Amino acid sequence: MEQSAAGPVFHHVHIFCYDLQRMIDFWVRTFGLTYVGKRTFGPCDGADLLFSNGSHLYLKQVDPESPE
């Protein structure tokens, strides 16, 4: 966790999801996050979104049968 003038902030948070594009749309539309771009996490597709305080939200698409 990093420290800012307003207090501590997370550098990033990971969320696993089944439908990557739907989750990107949800976070951008509902909470106003900025879409940074697609990325991969190992063999999984993912995305990087940015909160206004500089914290990142990493979305990782997993198979519904995945133990993760």
C-alpha atoms as a PDB file:
ATOM      1  CA  MET A   1       0.000   0.000   0.000  1.00  0.00           C
ATOM      2  CA  GLU A   2       1.327   3.426  -0.926  1.00  0.00           C
ATOM      3  CA  GLN A   3       0.902   6.689   0.975  1.00  0.00           C
ATOM      4  CA  SER A   4      -0.590   9.797  -0.625  1.00  0.00           C
ATOM      5  CA  ALA A   5      -1.371  13.273   0.686  1.00  0.00           C
ATOM      6  CA  ALA A   6      -4.937  12.068   1.352  1.00  0.00           C
ATOM      7  CA  GLY A   7      -3.801   8.884   3.125  1.00  0.00           C
ATOM      8  CA  PRO A   8      -2.889   5.350   2.098  1.00  0.00           C
ATOM      9  CA  VAL A   9      -3.951   4.043  -1.323  1.00  0.00           C
ATOM     10  CA  PHE A  10      -3.631   0.662  -2.998  1.00  0.00           C
ATOM     11  CA  HIS A  11      -1.222   0.374  -5.902  1.00  0.00           C
ATOM     12  CA  HIS A  12      -3.445  -2.236  -7.564  1.00  0.00           C
ATOM     13  CA  VAL A  13      -6.201  -4.775  -6.980  1.00  0.00           C
ATOM     14  CA  HIS A  14      -6.855  -7.945  -9.011  1.00  0.00           C
ATOM     15  CA  ILE A  15     -10.356  -9.202  -9.793  1.00  0.00           C
ATOM     16  CA  PHE A  16     -10.996 -12.467 -11.585  1.00  0.00           C
ATOM     17  CA  CYS A  17     -13.921 -12.507 -14.016  1.00  0.00           C
ATOM     18  CA  TYR A  18     -15.574 -14.693 -16.654  1.00  0.00           C
ATOM     19  CA  ASP A  19     -16.537 -11.965 -19.152  1.00  0.00           C
ATOM     20  CA  LEU A  20     -13.699  -9.461 -19.542  1.00  0.00           C
ATOM     21  CA  GLN A  21     -15.400  -6.928 -21.810  1.00  0.00           C
ATOM     22  CA  ARG A  22     -18.526  -6.854 -19.682  1.00  0.00           C
ATOM     23  CA  MET A  23     -16.442  -6.174 -16.560  1.00  0.00           C
ATOM     24  CA  ILE A  24     -14.466  -3.417 -18.312  1.00  0.00           C
ATOM     25  CA  ASP A  25     -17.719  -1.760 -19.369  1.00  0.00           C
ATOM     26  CA  PHE A  26     -19.179  -2.083 -15.860  1.00  0.00           C
ATOM     27  CA  TRP A  27     -16.239  -0.471 -14.054  1.00  0.00           C
ATOM     28  CA  VAL A  28     -15.842   2.334 -16.602  1.00  0.00           C
ATOM     29  CA  ARG A  29     -19.560   3.141 -16.794  1.00  0.00           C
ATOM     30  CA  THR A  30     -20.470   2.668 -13.126  1.00  0.00           C
ATOM     31  CA  PHE A  31     -17.400   3.997 -11.308  1.00  0.00           C
ATOM     32  CA  GLY A  32     -15.774   6.189 -13.962  1.00  0.00           C
ATOM     33  CA  LEU A  33     -12.484   4.292 -14.139  1.00  0.00           C
ATOM     34  CA  THR A  34     -10.174   5.004 -17.056  1.00  0.00           C
ATOM     35  CA  TYR A  35      -9.487   2.126 -19.411  1.00  0.00           C
ATOM     36  CA  VAL A  36      -5.693   1.886 -19.784  1.00  0.00           C
ATOM     37  CA  GLY A  37      -5.570  -1.153 -22.067  1.00  0.00           C
ATOM     38  CA  LYS A  38      -5.605  -4.892 -22.486  1.00  0.00           C
ATOM     39  CA  ARG A  39      -2.841  -6.988 -20.950  1.00  0.00           C
ATOM     40  CA  THR A  40      -2.138 -10.588 -20.075  1.00  0.00           C
ATOM     41  CA  PHE A  41      -1.623 -12.292 -16.740  1.00  0.00           C
ATOM     42  CA  GLY A  42       0.285 -15.446 -17.552  1.00  0.00           C
ATOM     43  CA  PRO A  43      -1.880 -17.291 -20.073  1.00  0.00           C
ATOM     44  CA  CYS A  44      -5.019 -15.255 -19.211  1.00  0.00           C
ATOM     45  CA  ASP A  45      -6.375 -12.204 -20.978  1.00  0.00           C
ATOM     46  CA  GLY A  46      -6.865  -9.170 -18.821  1.00  0.00           C
ATOM     47  CA  ALA A  47      -7.245  -5.420 -18.647  1.00  0.00           C
ATOM     48  CA  ASP A  48      -5.802  -2.484 -16.730  1.00  0.00           C
ATOM     49  CA  LEU A  49      -8.184   0.182 -15.413  1.00  0.00           C
ATOM     50  CA  LEU A  50      -7.217   3.278 -13.464  1.00  0.00           C
ATOM     51  CA  PHE A  51      -8.947   4.947 -10.510  1.00  0.00           C
ATOM     52  CA  SER A  52      -8.733   8.750 -10.226  1.00  0.00           C
ATOM     53  CA  ASN A  53      -6.331   8.411  -7.254  1.00  0.00           C
ATOM     54  CA  GLY A  54      -3.798   6.501  -9.367  1.00  0.00           C
ATOM     55  CA  SER A  55      -4.663   3.003  -8.122  1.00  0.00           C
ATOM     56  CA  HIS A  56      -5.006   0.289 -10.754  1.00  0.00           C
ATOM     57  CA  LEU A  57      -7.723  -2.330 -11.095  1.00  0.00           C
ATOM     58  CA  TYR A  58      -6.476  -5.411 -12.937  1.00  0.00           C
ATOM     59  CA  LEU A  59      -9.158  -7.649 -14.398  1.00  0.00           C
ATOM     60  CA  LYS A  60      -8.150 -11.224 -15.203  1.00  0.00           C
ATOM     61  CA  GLN A  61     -10.426 -13.401 -17.314  1.00  0.00           C
ATOM     62  CA  VAL A  62     -10.620 -16.984 -16.101  1.00  0.00           C
ATOM     63  CA  ASP A  63     -12.577 -20.005 -17.251  1.00  0.00           C
ATOM     64  CA  PRO A  64     -15.688 -20.690 -15.145  1.00  0.00           C
ATOM     65  CA  GLU A  65     -14.236 -24.135 -14.366  1.00  0.00           C
ATOM     66  CA  SER A  66     -10.957 -22.634 -13.111  1.00  0.00           C
ATOM     67  CA  PRO A  67     -10.058 -23.291  -9.473  1.00  0.00           C
ATOM     68  CA  GLU A  68      -9.103 -19.609  -9.173  1.00  0.00           C
END
